[in-house]
C-alpha atoms as a PDB file:
ATOM      1  CA  MET A   1       0.362-146.107 -27.926  1.00  0.00           C
ATOM      2  CA  SER A   2       0.619-142.413 -27.113  1.00  0.00           C
ATOM      3  CA  LYS A   3       3.472-140.372 -28.397  1.00  0.00           C
ATOM      4  CA  LYS A   4       5.799-138.747 -25.849  1.00  0.00           C
ATOM      5  CA  ALA A   5       5.887-134.981 -25.836  1.00  0.00           C
ATOM      6  CA  PRO A   6       9.181-133.253 -26.652  1.00  0.00           C
ATOM      7  CA  VAL A   7      11.227-132.156 -23.650  1.00  0.00           C
ATOM      8  CA  ALA A   8      10.834-128.401 -23.154  1.00  0.00           C
ATOM      9  CA  ALA A   9      13.500-128.204 -20.409  1.00  0.00           C
ATOM     10  CA  THR A  10      15.389-130.601 -18.163  1.00  0.00           C
ATOM     11  CA  GLU A  11      14.545-128.854 -14.923  1.00  0.00           C
ATOM     12  CA  PRO A  12      11.245-127.947 -13.275  1.00  0.00           C
ATOM     13  CA  ALA A  13       9.802-124.448 -13.264  1.00  0.00           C
ATOM     14  CA  ILE A  14       9.825-123.339  -9.625  1.00  0.00           C
ATOM     15  CA  LEU A  15       7.042-120.780  -9.273  1.00  0.00           C
ATOM     16  CA  ARG A  16       4.899-119.091  -6.655  1.00  0.00           C
ATOM     17  CA  LEU A  17       1.309-119.409  -7.843  1.00  0.00           C
ATOM     18  CA  GLU A  18      -1.660-117.504  -6.543  1.00  0.00           C
ATOM     19  CA  PRO A  19      -5.074-119.175  -6.184  1.00  0.00           C
ATOM     20  CA  GLY A  20      -6.685-119.854  -9.535  1.00  0.00           C
ATOM     21  CA  THR A  21      -7.043-122.219 -12.459  1.00  0.00           C
ATOM     22  CA  TYR A  22      -3.989-122.917 -14.599  1.00  0.00           C
ATOM     23  CA  TYR A  23      -3.334-124.889 -17.778  1.00  0.00           C
ATOM     24  CA  TRP A  24      -0.073-126.839 -17.911  1.00  0.00           C
ATOM     25  CA  CYS A  25       1.480-127.445 -21.331  1.00  0.00           C
ATOM     26  CA  ALA A  26       1.501-131.180 -22.085  1.00  0.00           C
ATOM     27  CA  CYS A  27       2.786-130.938 -25.672  1.00  0.00           C
ATOM     28  CA  GLY A  28       6.186-129.381 -24.904  1.00  0.00           C
ATOM     29  CA  LYS A  29       5.799-126.759 -27.648  1.00  0.00           C
ATOM     30  CA  SER A  30       4.406-123.765 -25.744  1.00  0.00           C
ATOM     31  CA  LYS A  31       6.491-120.602 -25.877  1.00  0.00           C
ATOM     32  CA  ASN A  32       5.076-119.805 -22.407  1.00  0.00           C
ATOM     33  CA  GLN A  33       6.436-122.862 -20.528  1.00  0.00           C
ATOM     34  CA  PRO A  34       5.248-124.450 -18.345  1.00  0.00           C
ATOM     35  CA  PHE A  35       1.843-123.053 -19.287  1.00  0.00           C
ATOM     36  CA  CYS A  36      -0.234-123.714 -22.402  1.00  0.00           C
ATOM     37  CA  ASP A  37      -0.258-121.134 -25.207  1.00  0.00           C
ATOM     38  CA  GLY A  38      -2.342-123.162 -27.670  1.00  0.00           C
ATOM     39  CA  SER A  39       0.623-124.703 -29.523  1.00  0.00           C
ATOM     40  CA  HIS A  40      -0.938-128.157 -29.088  1.00  0.00           C
ATOM     41  CA  GLU A  41      -3.682-127.351 -31.633  1.00  0.00           C
ATOM     42  CA  GLY A  42      -3.892-130.160 -34.178  1.00  0.00           C
ATOM     43  CA  SER A  43      -1.870-132.594 -32.065  1.00  0.00           C
ATOM     44  CA  GLU A  44      -2.869-135.483 -29.809  1.00  0.00           C
ATOM     45  CA  PHE A  45      -1.890-133.482 -26.717  1.00  0.00           C
ATOM     46  CA  THR A  46      -4.206-131.411 -24.543  1.00  0.00           C
ATOM     47  CA  PRO A  47      -3.251-129.114 -21.679  1.00  0.00           C
ATOM     48  CA  ARG A  48      -3.744-130.276 -18.102  1.00  0.00           C
ATOM     49  CA  GLU A  49      -6.059-128.031 -16.087  1.00  0.00           C
ATOM     50  CA  PHE A  50      -5.163-127.700 -12.421  1.00  0.00           C
ATOM     51  CA  GLU A  51      -6.394-125.635  -9.504  1.00  0.00           C
ATOM     52  CA  ILE A  52      -4.358-123.856  -6.853  1.00  0.00           C
ATOM     53  CA  THR A  53      -6.511-123.118  -3.791  1.00  0.00           C
ATOM     54  CA  GLU A  54      -4.004-121.105  -1.774  1.00  0.00           C
ATOM     55  CA  ALA A  55      -0.830-119.237  -2.705  1.00  0.00           C
ATOM     56  CA  ARG A  56       2.107-121.653  -2.679  1.00  0.00           C
ATOM     57  CA  ASN A  57       5.389-122.565  -4.294  1.00  0.00           C
ATOM     58  CA  VAL A  58       5.222-125.349  -6.890  1.00  0.00           C
ATOM     59  CA  ALA A  59       7.657-127.265  -9.087  1.00  0.00           C
ATOM     60  CA  LEU A  60       5.978-127.734 -12.463  1.00  0.00           C
ATOM     61  CA  CYS A  61       7.336-130.319 -14.877  1.00  0.00           C
ATOM     62  CA  GLN A  62       8.961-129.043 -18.049  1.00  0.00           C
ATOM     63  CA  CYS A  63      10.379-132.346 -19.327  1.00  0.00           C
ATOM     64  CA  LYS A  64       6.782-133.529 -19.957  1.00  0.00           C
ATOM     65  CA  GLN A  65       7.621-137.065 -18.781  1.00  0.00           C
ATOM     66  CA  THR A  66       6.413-136.763 -15.159  1.00  0.00           C
ATOM     67  CA  ARG A  67       4.140-139.459 -13.782  1.00  0.00           C
ATOM     68  CA  ASN A  68       2.385-136.784 -11.684  1.00  0.00           C
ATOM     69  CA  PRO A  69       1.408-134.019 -14.139  1.00  0.00           C
ATOM     70  CA  PRO A  70       1.625-131.085 -13.879  1.00  0.00           C
ATOM     71  CA  PHE A  71       4.066-131.475 -10.982  1.00  0.00           C
ATOM     72  CA  CYS A  72       7.701-132.485 -11.250  1.00  0.00           C
ATOM     73  CA  ASP A  73       8.473-135.979  -9.927  1.00  0.00           C
ATOM     74  CA  GLY A  74      12.203-135.955 -10.746  1.00  0.00           C
ATOM     75  CA  THR A  75      11.892-137.865 -14.033  1.00  0.00           C
ATOM     76  CA  HIS A  76      14.059-135.222 -15.745  1.00  0.00           C
ATOM     77  CA  ILE A  77      17.070-136.614 -13.863  1.00  0.00           C
ATOM     78  CA  GLU A  78      16.737-139.856 -15.858  1.00  0.00           C
ATOM     79  CA  LEU A  79      16.708-138.128 -19.277  1.00  0.00           C
END
């Protein structure tokens, strides 16, 4: 069974992202939340790559418990 990542924050990061490739932190340890900074090295967690094709506002999960990574699905409300 996989270990759950530590909760980085109990609210989503609401951001405007430009088109590009991003790496969402799945381990909960990044100092650059919600994005990966390499803190997962040596753990069972790997960042989630995702693509934004046009500039838009997003809600990225920071509790790391979402069922729709990297996007917030409201799971933080249950924590």
